[in-house]
Amino acid sequence: LRSLLAYIISPMAIIDLLAILPFYLPILIPIDLRFL
C-alpha cells in the first residue's frame, strides 16, 4: 500500500493521471461544457 501511494504521488504518475483526466471527469461528475 505504501509502495502504491509513493508511486501515485510521484511526478510521472500525476502527469499520467492528468493526461487521461479530461476523458473520465465528465463521466464521474457533471461539468460545464465550456470548462470541459
PDB file of all heavy atoms in Angstrom:
ATOM      1  N   LEU A   1       0.830  -1.206   0.000  1.00  0.00           N
ATOM      2  CA  LEU A   1       0.000   0.000   0.000  1.00  0.00           C
ATOM      3  C   LEU A   1       0.861   1.251   0.000  1.00  0.00           C
ATOM      4  O   LEU A   1       0.601   2.206  -0.743  1.00  0.00           O
ATOM      5  CB  LEU A   1      -0.930  -0.010   1.210  1.00  0.00           C
ATOM      6  CG  LEU A   1      -1.871   1.202   1.349  1.00  0.00           C
ATOM      7  CD1 LEU A   1      -2.781   1.307   0.124  1.00  0.00           C
ATOM      8  CD2 LEU A   1      -2.702   1.092   2.622  1.00  0.00           C
ATOM      9  N   ARG A   2       1.911   1.250   0.793  1.00  0.00           N
ATOM     10  CA  ARG A   2       2.810   2.406   0.833  1.00  0.00           C
ATOM     11  C   ARG A   2       3.560   2.561  -0.491  1.00  0.00           C
ATOM     12  O   ARG A   2       3.824   3.678  -0.932  1.00  0.00           O
ATOM     13  CB  ARG A   2       3.796   2.264   1.987  1.00  0.00           C
ATOM     14  CG  ARG A   2       3.163   2.454   3.356  1.00  0.00           C
ATOM     15  CD  ARG A   2       4.222   2.489   4.444  1.00  0.00           C
ATOM     16  NE  ARG A   2       3.628   2.760   5.755  1.00  0.00           N
ATOM     17  CZ  ARG A   2       4.328   2.875   6.876  1.00  0.00           C
ATOM     18  NH1 ARG A   2       5.658   2.755   6.837  1.00  0.00           N
ATOM     19  NH2 ARG A   2       3.726   3.115   8.014  1.00  0.00           N
ATOM     20  N   SER A   3       3.886   1.447  -1.107  1.00  0.00           N
ATOM     21  CA  SER A   3       4.539   1.494  -2.426  1.00  0.00           C
ATOM     22  C   SER A   3       3.608   2.111  -3.452  1.00  0.00           C
ATOM     23  O   SER A   3       4.025   2.935  -4.277  1.00  0.00           O
ATOM     24  CB  SER A   3       4.942   0.082  -2.860  1.00  0.00           C
ATOM     25  OG  SER A   3       5.868  -0.478  -1.970  1.00  0.00           O
ATOM     26  N   LEU A   4       2.333   1.711  -3.385  1.00  0.00           N
ATOM     27  CA  LEU A   4       1.344   2.259  -4.316  1.00  0.00           C
ATOM     28  C   LEU A   4       1.154   3.757  -4.093  1.00  0.00           C
ATOM     29  O   LEU A   4       1.112   4.537  -5.059  1.00  0.00           O
ATOM     30  CB  LEU A   4       0.011   1.521  -4.142  1.00  0.00           C
ATOM     31  CG  LEU A   4      -1.157   2.001  -5.010  1.00  0.00           C
ATOM     32  CD1 LEU A   4      -0.819   1.854  -6.487  1.00  0.00           C
ATOM     33  CD2 LEU A   4      -2.423   1.241  -4.674  1.00  0.00           C
ATOM     34  N   LEU A   5       1.065   4.171  -2.836  1.00  0.00           N
ATOM     35  CA  LEU A   5       0.889   5.594  -2.526  1.00  0.00           C
ATOM     36  C   LEU A   5       2.118   6.397  -2.956  1.00  0.00           C
ATOM     37  O   LEU A   5       1.984   7.514  -3.467  1.00  0.00           O
ATOM     38  CB  LEU A   5       0.640   5.778  -1.031  1.00  0.00           C
ATOM     39  CG  LEU A   5      -0.700   5.257  -0.494  1.00  0.00           C
ATOM     40  CD1 LEU A   5      -0.756   5.389   1.019  1.00  0.00           C
ATOM     41  CD2 LEU A   5      -1.863   6.009  -1.139  1.00  0.00           C
ATOM     42  N   ALA A   6       3.305   5.818  -2.753  1.00  0.00           N
ATOM     43  CA  ALA A   6       4.534   6.506  -3.167  1.00  0.00           C
ATOM     44  C   ALA A   6       4.569   6.697  -4.674  1.00  0.00           C
ATOM     45  O   ALA A   6       5.028   7.732  -5.167  1.00  0.00           O
ATOM     46  CB  ALA A   6       5.752   5.705  -2.711  1.00  0.00           C
ATOM     47  N   TYR A   7       4.071   5.713  -5.409  1.00  0.00           N
ATOM     48  CA  TYR A   7       4.038   5.853  -6.871  1.00  0.00           C
ATOM     49  C   TYR A   7       2.986   6.870  -7.303  1.00  0.00           C
ATOM     50  O   TYR A   7       3.234   7.701  -8.187  1.00  0.00           O
ATOM     51  CB  TYR A   7       3.733   4.503  -7.531  1.00  0.00           C
ATOM     52  CG  TYR A   7       3.404   4.643  -8.993  1.00  0.00           C
ATOM     53  CD1 TYR A   7       4.396   4.960  -9.923  1.00  0.00           C
ATOM     54  CD2 TYR A   7       2.091   4.514  -9.448  1.00  0.00           C
ATOM     55  CE1 TYR A   7       4.089   5.132 -11.255  1.00  0.00           C
ATOM     56  CE2 TYR A   7       1.783   4.675 -10.780  1.00  0.00           C
ATOM     57  CZ  TYR A   7       2.791   4.981 -11.684  1.00  0.00           C
ATOM     58  OH  TYR A   7       2.481   5.164 -13.009  1.00  0.00           O
ATOM     59  N   ILE A   8       1.814   6.843  -6.678  1.00  0.00           N
ATOM     60  CA  ILE A   8       0.706   7.713  -7.085  1.00  0.00           C
ATOM     61  C   ILE A   8       1.071   9.190  -6.949  1.00  0.00           C
ATOM     62  O   ILE A   8       0.668  10.016  -7.773  1.00  0.00           O
ATOM     63  CB  ILE A   8      -0.562   7.387  -6.260  1.00  0.00           C
ATOM     64  CG1 ILE A   8      -1.120   6.019  -6.689  1.00  0.00           C
ATOM     65  CG2 ILE A   8      -1.628   8.459  -6.440  1.00  0.00           C
ATOM     66  CD1 ILE A   8      -2.282   5.545  -5.847  1.00  0.00           C
ATOM     67  N   ILE A   9       1.846   9.523  -5.914  1.00  0.00           N
ATOM     68  CA  ILE A   9       2.203  10.940  -5.695  1.00  0.00           C
ATOM     69  C   ILE A   9       3.487  11.333  -6.423  1.00  0.00           C
ATOM     70  O   ILE A   9       3.938  12.471  -6.298  1.00  0.00           O
ATOM     71  CB  ILE A   9       2.343  11.246  -4.187  1.00  0.00           C
ATOM     72  CG1 ILE A   9       3.496  10.424  -3.576  1.00  0.00           C
ATOM     73  CG2 ILE A   9       1.036  11.008  -3.459  1.00  0.00           C
ATOM     74  CD1 ILE A   9       3.781  10.762  -2.126  1.00  0.00           C
ATOM     75  N   SER A  10       4.067  10.417  -7.194  1.00  0.00           N
ATOM     76  CA  SER A  10       5.272  10.752  -7.953  1.00  0.00           C
ATOM     77  C   SER A  10       4.915  11.652  -9.134  1.00  0.00           C
ATOM     78  O   SER A  10       3.782  11.590  -9.647  1.00  0.00           O
ATOM     79  CB  SER A  10       5.956   9.478  -8.457  1.00  0.00           C
ATOM     80  OG  SER A  10       5.136   8.799  -9.390  1.00  0.00           O
ATOM     81  N   PRO A  11       5.831  12.508  -9.598  1.00  0.00           N
ATOM     82  CA  PRO A  11       5.520  13.448 -10.693  1.00  0.00           C
ATOM     83  C   PRO A  11       5.016  12.767 -11.970  1.00  0.00           C
ATOM     84  O   PRO A  11       4.054  13.231 -12.578  1.00  0.00           O
ATOM     85  CB  PRO A  11       6.864  14.153 -10.940  1.00  0.00           C
ATOM     86  CG  PRO A  11       7.580  14.050  -9.640  1.00  0.00           C
ATOM     87  CD  PRO A  11       7.182  12.739  -9.060  1.00  0.00           C
ATOM     88  N   MET A  12       5.643  11.659 -12.378  1.00  0.00           N
ATOM     89  CA  MET A  12       5.241  10.995 -13.611  1.00  0.00           C
ATOM     90  C   MET A  12       3.850  10.384 -13.492  1.00  0.00           C
ATOM     91  O   MET A  12       3.081  10.381 -14.458  1.00  0.00           O
ATOM     92  CB  MET A  12       6.253   9.917 -13.989  1.00  0.00           C
ATOM     93  CG  MET A  12       7.568  10.453 -14.518  1.00  0.00           C
ATOM     94  SD  MET A  12       7.386  11.623 -15.892  1.00  0.00           S
ATOM     95  CE  MET A  12       6.460  10.657 -17.078  1.00  0.00           C
ATOM     96  N   ALA A  13       3.501   9.873 -12.306  1.00  0.00           N
ATOM     97  CA  ALA A  13       2.161   9.322 -12.100  1.00  0.00           C
ATOM     98  C   ALA A  13       1.102  10.417 -12.179  1.00  0.00           C
ATOM     99  O   ALA A  13       0.009  10.204 -12.732  1.00  0.00           O
ATOM    100  CB  ALA A  13       2.086   8.603 -10.754  1.00  0.00           C
ATOM    101  N   ILE A  14       1.414  11.587 -11.648  1.00  0.00           N
ATOM    102  CA  ILE A  14       0.477  12.715 -11.719  1.00  0.00           C
ATOM    103  C   ILE A  14       0.279  13.152 -13.165  1.00  0.00           C
ATOM    104  O   ILE A  14      -0.840  13.453 -13.595  1.00  0.00           O
ATOM    105  CB  ILE A  14       0.991  13.885 -10.854  1.00  0.00           C
ATOM    106  CG1 ILE A  14       0.973  13.487  -9.379  1.00  0.00           C
ATOM    107  CG2 ILE A  14       0.167  15.145 -11.080  1.00  0.00           C
ATOM    108  CD1 ILE A  14       1.642  14.484  -8.457  1.00  0.00           C
ATOM    109  N   ILE A  15       1.368  13.172 -13.943  1.00  0.00           N
ATOM    110  CA  ILE A  15       1.264  13.511 -15.372  1.00  0.00           C
ATOM    111  C   ILE A  15       0.404  12.491 -16.100  1.00  0.00           C
ATOM    112  O   ILE A  15      -0.445  12.836 -16.928  1.00  0.00           O
ATOM    113  CB  ILE A  15       2.670  13.590 -15.995  1.00  0.00           C
ATOM    114  CG1 ILE A  15       3.409  14.818 -15.470  1.00  0.00           C
ATOM    115  CG2 ILE A  15       2.579  13.659 -17.527  1.00  0.00           C
ATOM    116  CD1 ILE A  15       4.860  14.877 -15.874  1.00  0.00           C
ATOM    117  N   ASP A  16       0.605  11.205 -15.788  1.00  0.00           N
ATOM    118  CA  ASP A  16      -0.204  10.148 -16.399  1.00  0.00           C
ATOM    119  C   ASP A  16      -1.690  10.352 -16.094  1.00  0.00           C
ATOM    120  O   ASP A  16      -2.546  10.180 -16.970  1.00  0.00           O
ATOM    121  CB  ASP A  16       0.233   8.773 -15.888  1.00  0.00           C
ATOM    122  CG  ASP A  16       1.602   8.369 -16.421  1.00  0.00           C
ATOM    123  OD1 ASP A  16       2.028   8.966 -17.426  1.00  0.00           O
ATOM    124  OD2 ASP A  16       2.220   7.470 -15.846  1.00  0.00           O
ATOM    125  N   LEU A  17      -1.977  10.714 -14.848  1.00  0.00           N
ATOM    126  CA  LEU A  17      -3.367  10.921 -14.446  1.00  0.00           C
ATOM    127  C   LEU A  17      -3.979  12.121 -15.149  1.00  0.00           C
ATOM    128  O   LEU A  17      -5.110  12.059 -15.658  1.00  0.00           O
ATOM    129  CB  LEU A  17      -3.450  11.091 -12.924  1.00  0.00           C
ATOM    130  CG  LEU A  17      -4.851  11.328 -12.348  1.00  0.00           C
ATOM    131  CD1 LEU A  17      -5.743  10.137 -12.633  1.00  0.00           C
ATOM    132  CD2 LEU A  17      -4.770  11.584 -10.847  1.00  0.00           C
ATOM    133  N   LEU A  18      -3.244  13.231 -15.205  1.00  0.00           N
ATOM    134  CA  LEU A  18      -3.750  14.440 -15.867  1.00  0.00           C
ATOM    135  C   LEU A  18      -3.962  14.213 -17.358  1.00  0.00           C
ATOM    136  O   LEU A  18      -4.807  14.858 -17.980  1.00  0.00           O
ATOM    137  CB  LEU A  18      -2.782  15.603 -15.643  1.00  0.00           C
ATOM    138  CG  LEU A  18      -2.686  16.153 -14.219  1.00  0.00           C
ATOM    139  CD1 LEU A  18      -1.605  17.226 -14.143  1.00  0.00           C
ATOM    140  CD2 LEU A  18      -4.029  16.724 -13.773  1.00  0.00           C
ATOM    141  N   ALA A  19      -3.200  13.284 -17.943  1.00  0.00           N
ATOM    142  CA  ALA A  19      -3.310  13.016 -19.371  1.00  0.00           C
ATOM    143  C   ALA A  19      -4.629  12.350 -19.736  1.00  0.00           C
ATOM    144  O   ALA A  19      -5.128  12.514 -20.855  1.00  0.00           O
ATOM    145  CB  ALA A  19      -2.151  12.143 -19.830  1.00  0.00           C
ATOM    146  N   ILE A  20      -5.219  11.596 -18.793  1.00  0.00           N
ATOM    147  CA  ILE A  20      -6.483  10.906 -19.088  1.00  0.00           C
ATOM    148  C   ILE A  20      -7.669  11.510 -18.335  1.00  0.00           C
ATOM    149  O   ILE A  20      -8.812  11.136 -18.570  1.00  0.00           O
ATOM    150  CB  ILE A  20      -6.388   9.405 -18.749  1.00  0.00           C
ATOM    151  CG1 ILE A  20      -6.181   9.197 -17.249  1.00  0.00           C
ATOM    152  CG2 ILE A  20      -5.265   8.748 -19.546  1.00  0.00           C
ATOM    153  CD1 ILE A  20      -6.276   7.752 -16.812  1.00  0.00           C
ATOM    154  N   LEU A  21      -7.395  12.444 -17.434  1.00  0.00           N
ATOM    155  CA  LEU A  21      -8.454  13.036 -16.609  1.00  0.00           C
ATOM    156  C   LEU A  21      -9.583  13.669 -17.414  1.00  0.00           C
ATOM    157  O   LEU A  21     -10.754  13.494 -17.068  1.00  0.00           O
ATOM    158  CB  LEU A  21      -7.835  14.065 -15.659  1.00  0.00           C
ATOM    159  CG  LEU A  21      -8.771  14.664 -14.610  1.00  0.00           C
ATOM    160  CD1 LEU A  21      -9.248  13.587 -13.647  1.00  0.00           C
ATOM    161  CD2 LEU A  21      -8.067  15.781 -13.845  1.00  0.00           C
ATOM    162  N   PRO A  22      -9.302  14.426 -18.507  1.00  0.00           N
ATOM    163  CA  PRO A  22     -10.396  15.067 -19.255  1.00  0.00           C
ATOM    164  C   PRO A  22     -11.425  14.090 -19.799  1.00  0.00           C
ATOM    165  O   PRO A  22     -12.566  14.474 -20.028  1.00  0.00           O
ATOM    166  CB  PRO A  22      -9.665  15.775 -20.412  1.00  0.00           C
ATOM    167  CG  PRO A  22      -8.277  15.967 -19.931  1.00  0.00           C
ATOM    168  CD  PRO A  22      -7.983  14.787 -19.066  1.00  0.00           C
ATOM    169  N   PHE A  23     -11.039  12.836 -20.003  1.00  0.00           N
ATOM    170  CA  PHE A  23     -11.995  11.847 -20.529  1.00  0.00           C
ATOM    171  C   PHE A  23     -12.916  11.322 -19.434  1.00  0.00           C
ATOM    172  O   PHE A  23     -14.127  11.181 -19.644  1.00  0.00           O
ATOM    173  CB  PHE A  23     -11.231  10.683 -21.162  1.00  0.00           C
ATOM    174  CG  PHE A  23     -12.116   9.614 -21.720  1.00  0.00           C
ATOM    175  CD1 PHE A  23     -12.674   9.745 -22.987  1.00  0.00           C
ATOM    176  CD2 PHE A  23     -12.392   8.479 -20.984  1.00  0.00           C
ATOM    177  CE1 PHE A  23     -13.504   8.750 -23.506  1.00  0.00           C
ATOM    178  CE2 PHE A  23     -13.225   7.478 -21.492  1.00  0.00           C
ATOM    179  CZ  PHE A  23     -13.776   7.619 -22.756  1.00  0.00           C
ATOM    180  N   TYR A  24     -12.360  11.046 -18.258  1.00  0.00           N
ATOM    181  CA  TYR A  24     -13.146  10.410 -17.188  1.00  0.00           C
ATOM    182  C   TYR A  24     -13.912  11.412 -16.327  1.00  0.00           C
ATOM    183  O   TYR A  24     -14.945  11.060 -15.746  1.00  0.00           O
ATOM    184  CB  TYR A  24     -12.219   9.588 -16.286  1.00  0.00           C
ATOM    185  CG  TYR A  24     -11.681   8.352 -16.957  1.00  0.00           C
ATOM    186  CD1 TYR A  24     -10.340   8.262 -17.311  1.00  0.00           C
ATOM    187  CD2 TYR A  24     -12.506   7.267 -17.229  1.00  0.00           C
ATOM    188  CE1 TYR A  24      -9.842   7.125 -17.929  1.00  0.00           C
ATOM    189  CE2 TYR A  24     -12.014   6.126 -17.845  1.00  0.00           C
ATOM    190  CZ  TYR A  24     -10.678   6.062 -18.190  1.00  0.00           C
ATOM    191  OH  TYR A  24     -10.184   4.936 -18.800  1.00  0.00           O
ATOM    192  N   LEU A  25     -13.426  12.645 -16.227  1.00  0.00           N
ATOM    193  CA  LEU A  25     -14.048  13.610 -15.322  1.00  0.00           C
ATOM    194  C   LEU A  25     -15.520  13.881 -15.642  1.00  0.00           C
ATOM    195  O   LEU A  25     -16.355  13.876 -14.731  1.00  0.00           O
ATOM    196  CB  LEU A  25     -13.245  14.922 -15.334  1.00  0.00           C
ATOM    197  CG  LEU A  25     -13.530  15.887 -14.189  1.00  0.00           C
ATOM    198  CD1 LEU A  25     -13.256  15.224 -12.844  1.00  0.00           C
ATOM    199  CD2 LEU A  25     -12.684  17.149 -14.311  1.00  0.00           C
ATOM    200  N   PRO A  26     -15.922  14.108 -16.917  1.00  0.00           N
ATOM    201  CA  PRO A  26     -17.337  14.335 -17.206  1.00  0.00           C
ATOM    202  C   PRO A  26     -18.214  13.120 -16.902  1.00  0.00           C
ATOM    203  O   PRO A  26     -19.419  13.261 -16.656  1.00  0.00           O
ATOM    204  CB  PRO A  26     -17.349  14.632 -18.718  1.00  0.00           C
ATOM    205  CG  PRO A  26     -15.956  15.037 -19.032  1.00  0.00           C
ATOM    206  CD  PRO A  26     -15.094  14.261 -18.123  1.00  0.00           C
ATOM    207  N   ILE A  27     -17.615  11.912 -16.912  1.00  0.00           N
ATOM    208  CA  ILE A  27     -18.379  10.704 -16.602  1.00  0.00           C
ATOM    209  C   ILE A  27     -18.664  10.620 -15.113  1.00  0.00           C
ATOM    210  O   ILE A  27     -19.747  10.212 -14.687  1.00  0.00           O
ATOM    211  CB  ILE A  27     -17.599   9.449 -17.065  1.00  0.00           C
ATOM    212  CG1 ILE A  27     -17.378   9.495 -18.576  1.00  0.00           C
ATOM    213  CG2 ILE A  27     -18.337   8.164 -16.681  1.00  0.00           C
ATOM    214  CD1 ILE A  27     -16.506   8.375 -19.105  1.00  0.00           C
ATOM    215  N   LEU A  28     -17.696  11.055 -14.312  1.00  0.00           N
ATOM    216  CA  LEU A  28     -17.819  10.957 -12.859  1.00  0.00           C
ATOM    217  C   LEU A  28     -18.673  12.063 -12.264  1.00  0.00           C
ATOM    218  O   LEU A  28     -19.486  11.825 -11.374  1.00  0.00           O
ATOM    219  CB  LEU A  28     -16.425  10.970 -12.224  1.00  0.00           C
ATOM    220  CG  LEU A  28     -15.492   9.820 -12.637  1.00  0.00           C
ATOM    221  CD1 LEU A  28     -14.100  10.026 -12.048  1.00  0.00           C
ATOM    222  CD2 LEU A  28     -16.061   8.484 -12.190  1.00  0.00           C
ATOM    223  N   ILE A  29     -18.492  13.308 -12.753  1.00  0.00           N
ATOM    224  CA  ILE A  29     -19.241  14.435 -12.212  1.00  0.00           C
ATOM    225  C   ILE A  29     -19.758  15.310 -13.353  1.00  0.00           C
ATOM    226  O   ILE A  29     -19.094  15.432 -14.389  1.00  0.00           O
ATOM    227  CB  ILE A  29     -18.377  15.292 -11.260  1.00  0.00           C
ATOM    228  CG1 ILE A  29     -17.098  15.778 -11.961  1.00  0.00           C
ATOM    229  CG2 ILE A  29     -18.028  14.509 -10.011  1.00  0.00           C
ATOM    230  CD1 ILE A  29     -16.256  16.725 -11.136  1.00  0.00           C
ATOM    231  N   PRO A  30     -20.942  15.911 -13.183  1.00  0.00           N
ATOM    232  CA  PRO A  30     -21.437  16.844 -14.212  1.00  0.00           C
ATOM    233  C   PRO A  30     -20.504  18.050 -14.295  1.00  0.00           C
ATOM    234  O   PRO A  30     -20.038  18.555 -13.283  1.00  0.00           O
ATOM    235  CB  PRO A  30     -22.820  17.253 -13.676  1.00  0.00           C
ATOM    236  CG  PRO A  30     -23.168  16.224 -12.660  1.00  0.00           C
ATOM    237  CD  PRO A  30     -21.883  15.741 -12.076  1.00  0.00           C
ATOM    238  N   ILE A  31     -20.270  18.500 -15.516  1.00  0.00           N
ATOM    239  CA  ILE A  31     -19.310  19.590 -15.699  1.00  0.00           C
ATOM    240  C   ILE A  31     -19.759  20.492 -16.848  1.00  0.00           C
ATOM    241  O   ILE A  31     -20.369  20.025 -17.816  1.00  0.00           O
ATOM    242  CB  ILE A  31     -17.906  19.015 -15.974  1.00  0.00           C
ATOM    243  CG1 ILE A  31     -16.841  20.104 -15.885  1.00  0.00           C
ATOM    244  CG2 ILE A  31     -17.839  18.297 -17.290  1.00  0.00           C
ATOM    245  CD1 ILE A  31     -15.429  19.558 -15.888  1.00  0.00           C
ATOM    246  N   ASP A  32     -19.511  21.763 -16.699  1.00  0.00           N
ATOM    247  CA  ASP A  32     -19.837  22.733 -17.738  1.00  0.00           C
ATOM    248  C   ASP A  32     -19.042  22.420 -19.007  1.00  0.00           C
ATOM    249  O   ASP A  32     -17.834  22.212 -18.966  1.00  0.00           O
ATOM    250  CB  ASP A  32     -19.487  24.142 -17.241  1.00  0.00           C
ATOM    251  CG  ASP A  32     -20.026  25.230 -18.174  1.00  0.00           C
ATOM    252  OD1 ASP A  32     -20.389  24.902 -19.315  1.00  0.00           O
ATOM    253  OD2 ASP A  32     -20.069  26.394 -17.735  1.00  0.00           O
ATOM    254  N   LEU A  33     -19.734  22.391 -20.154  1.00  0.00           N
ATOM    255  CA  LEU A  33     -19.079  22.050 -21.412  1.00  0.00           C
ATOM    256  C   LEU A  33     -17.996  23.059 -21.777  1.00  0.00           C
ATOM    257  O   LEU A  33     -17.003  22.713 -22.401  1.00  0.00           O
ATOM    258  CB  LEU A  33     -20.108  21.958 -22.543  1.00  0.00           C
ATOM    259  CG  LEU A  33     -21.087  20.783 -22.451  1.00  0.00           C
ATOM    260  CD1 LEU A  33     -22.081  20.843 -23.602  1.00  0.00           C
ATOM    261  CD2 LEU A  33     -20.340  19.457 -22.466  1.00  0.00           C
ATOM    262  N   ARG A  34     -18.170  24.328 -21.400  1.00  0.00           N
ATOM    263  CA  ARG A  34     -17.147  25.329 -21.682  1.00  0.00           C
ATOM    264  C   ARG A  34     -15.881  25.027 -20.896  1.00  0.00           C
ATOM    265  O   ARG A  34     -14.776  25.133 -21.417  1.00  0.00           O
ATOM    266  CB  ARG A  34     -17.668  26.729 -21.327  1.00  0.00           C
ATOM    267  CG  ARG A  34     -18.780  27.228 -22.243  1.00  0.00           C
ATOM    268  CD  ARG A  34     -19.358  28.520 -21.721  1.00  0.00           C
ATOM    269  NE  ARG A  34     -19.989  28.330 -20.425  1.00  0.00           N
ATOM    270  CZ  ARG A  34     -20.542  29.306 -19.712  1.00  0.00           C
ATOM    271  NH1 ARG A  34     -20.534  30.550 -20.171  1.00  0.00           N
ATOM    272  NH2 ARG A  34     -21.093  29.046 -18.543  1.00  0.00           N
ATOM    273  N   PHE A  35     -16.062  24.606 -19.644  1.00  0.00           N
ATOM    274  CA  PHE A  35     -14.905  24.229 -18.832  1.00  0.00           C
ATOM    275  C   PHE A  35     -14.262  22.957 -19.365  1.00  0.00           C
ATOM    276  O   PHE A  35     -13.048  22.790 -19.323  1.00  0.00           O
ATOM    277  CB  PHE A  35     -15.334  24.025 -17.382  1.00  0.00           C
ATOM    278  CG  PHE A  35     -14.226  23.604 -16.471  1.00  0.00           C
ATOM    279  CD1 PHE A  35     -13.211  24.480 -16.132  1.00  0.00           C
ATOM    280  CD2 PHE A  35     -14.185  22.315 -15.964  1.00  0.00           C
ATOM    281  CE1 PHE A  35     -12.176  24.093 -15.303  1.00  0.00           C
ATOM    282  CE2 PHE A  35     -13.148  21.918 -15.132  1.00  0.00           C
ATOM    283  CZ  PHE A  35     -12.159  22.814 -14.793  1.00  0.00           C
ATOM    284  N   LEU A  36     -15.086  22.049 -19.892  1.00  0.00           N
ATOM    285  CA  LEU A  36     -14.573  20.798 -20.448  1.00  0.00           C
ATOM    286  C   LEU A  36     -13.654  21.068 -21.629  1.00  0.00           C
ATOM    287  O   LEU A  36     -12.611  20.423 -21.784  1.00  0.00           O
ATOM    288  CB  LEU A  36     -15.736  19.897 -20.877  1.00  0.00           C
ATOM    289  CG  LEU A  36     -15.361  18.576 -21.554  1.00  0.00           C
ATOM    290  CD1 LEU A  36     -14.526  17.721 -20.611  1.00  0.00           C
ATOM    291  CD2 LEU A  36     -16.603  17.818 -21.991  1.00  0.00           C
TER     292      LEU A  36
END
